[in-house]
Amino acid sequence: MPKKIKLRRVASSLVVTIPKTLLKPLNWSEGDTVEIVVTAPRTLQLSKA
């Protein structure tokens, strides 16, 4: 099920905060490297690198 998450500004960057409910099943944690790929207009794919 898609989740809507707002972007927020930190210094000169925009940040996406991923809720813990999405991180736990993926086994992702702070400091992990994540690859972001644009798959279509307005669509991204995230994967742990």
C-alpha atoms as a PDB file:
ATOM      1  CA  MET A   1       0.000   0.000   0.000  1.00  0.00           C
ATOM      2  CA  PRO A   2       1.489   3.390  -0.987  1.00  0.00           C
ATOM      3  CA  LYS A   3       2.327   5.871   1.761  1.00  0.00           C
ATOM      4  CA  LYS A   4       2.457   9.638   1.317  1.00  0.00           C
ATOM      5  CA  ILE A   5       5.531  11.214   2.891  1.00  0.00           C
ATOM      6  CA  LYS A   6       6.364  14.925   2.787  1.00  0.00           C
ATOM      7  CA  LEU A   7       9.728  16.351   1.802  1.00  0.00           C
ATOM      8  CA  ARG A   8      11.455  18.704   4.222  1.00  0.00           C
ATOM      9  CA  ARG A   9      14.367  21.064   3.775  1.00  0.00           C
ATOM     10  CA  VAL A  10      17.670  20.515   5.592  1.00  0.00           C
ATOM     11  CA  ALA A  11      20.269  23.155   4.675  1.00  0.00           C
ATOM     12  CA  SER A  12      20.282  23.232   0.853  1.00  0.00           C
ATOM     13  CA  SER A  13      18.845  19.713   0.393  1.00  0.00           C
ATOM     14  CA  LEU A  14      15.408  18.100   0.491  1.00  0.00           C
ATOM     15  CA  VAL A  15      15.015  15.096   2.788  1.00  0.00           C
ATOM     16  CA  VAL A  16      12.602  12.171   2.749  1.00  0.00           C
ATOM     17  CA  THR A  17      12.011  10.660   6.182  1.00  0.00           C
ATOM     18  CA  ILE A  18      11.056   6.997   5.917  1.00  0.00           C
ATOM     19  CA  PRO A  19       8.794   5.766   8.749  1.00  0.00           C
ATOM     20  CA  LYS A  20      10.019   2.896  10.959  1.00  0.00           C
ATOM     21  CA  THR A  21       7.050   0.800   9.848  1.00  0.00           C
ATOM     22  CA  LEU A  22       8.575   0.733   6.352  1.00  0.00           C
ATOM     23  CA  LEU A  23      12.194   0.338   7.489  1.00  0.00           C
ATOM     24  CA  LYS A  24      11.787  -2.703   9.767  1.00  0.00           C
ATOM     25  CA  PRO A  25      10.623  -5.204   7.094  1.00  0.00           C
ATOM     26  CA  LEU A  26      13.426  -3.976   4.784  1.00  0.00           C
ATOM     27  CA  ASN A  27      16.078  -4.328   7.505  1.00  0.00           C
ATOM     28  CA  TRP A  28      17.256  -0.762   6.797  1.00  0.00           C
ATOM     29  CA  SER A  29      18.855   1.442   9.449  1.00  0.00           C
ATOM     30  CA  GLU A  30      20.589   4.789   9.839  1.00  0.00           C
ATOM     31  CA  GLY A  31      23.860   4.907   7.933  1.00  0.00           C
ATOM     32  CA  ASP A  32      22.844   2.399   5.243  1.00  0.00           C
ATOM     33  CA  THR A  33      23.601   3.368   1.642  1.00  0.00           C
ATOM     34  CA  VAL A  34      20.488   3.526  -0.534  1.00  0.00           C
ATOM     35  CA  GLU A  35      20.406   3.626  -4.329  1.00  0.00           C
ATOM     36  CA  ILE A  36      17.724   5.828  -5.919  1.00  0.00           C
ATOM     37  CA  VAL A  37      16.674   5.316  -9.558  1.00  0.00           C
ATOM     38  CA  VAL A  38      14.132   7.371 -11.519  1.00  0.00           C
ATOM     39  CA  THR A  39      11.950   4.708 -13.158  1.00  0.00           C
ATOM     40  CA  ALA A  40       9.313   6.976 -14.739  1.00  0.00           C
ATOM     41  CA  PRO A  41       8.241  10.597 -14.493  1.00  0.00           C
ATOM     42  CA  ARG A  42       7.363  11.246 -10.829  1.00  0.00           C
ATOM     43  CA  THR A  43       8.414   7.692  -9.816  1.00  0.00           C
ATOM     44  CA  LEU A  44      11.488   6.521  -7.893  1.00  0.00           C
ATOM     45  CA  GLN A  45      12.793   3.092  -6.947  1.00  0.00           C
ATOM     46  CA  LEU A  46      14.810   2.717  -3.736  1.00  0.00           C
ATOM     47  CA  SER A  47      17.101  -0.195  -2.970  1.00  0.00           C
ATOM     48  CA  LYS A  48      19.739  -0.876  -0.347  1.00  0.00           C
ATOM     49  CA  ALA A  49      23.154  -0.696  -2.011  1.00  0.00           C
END
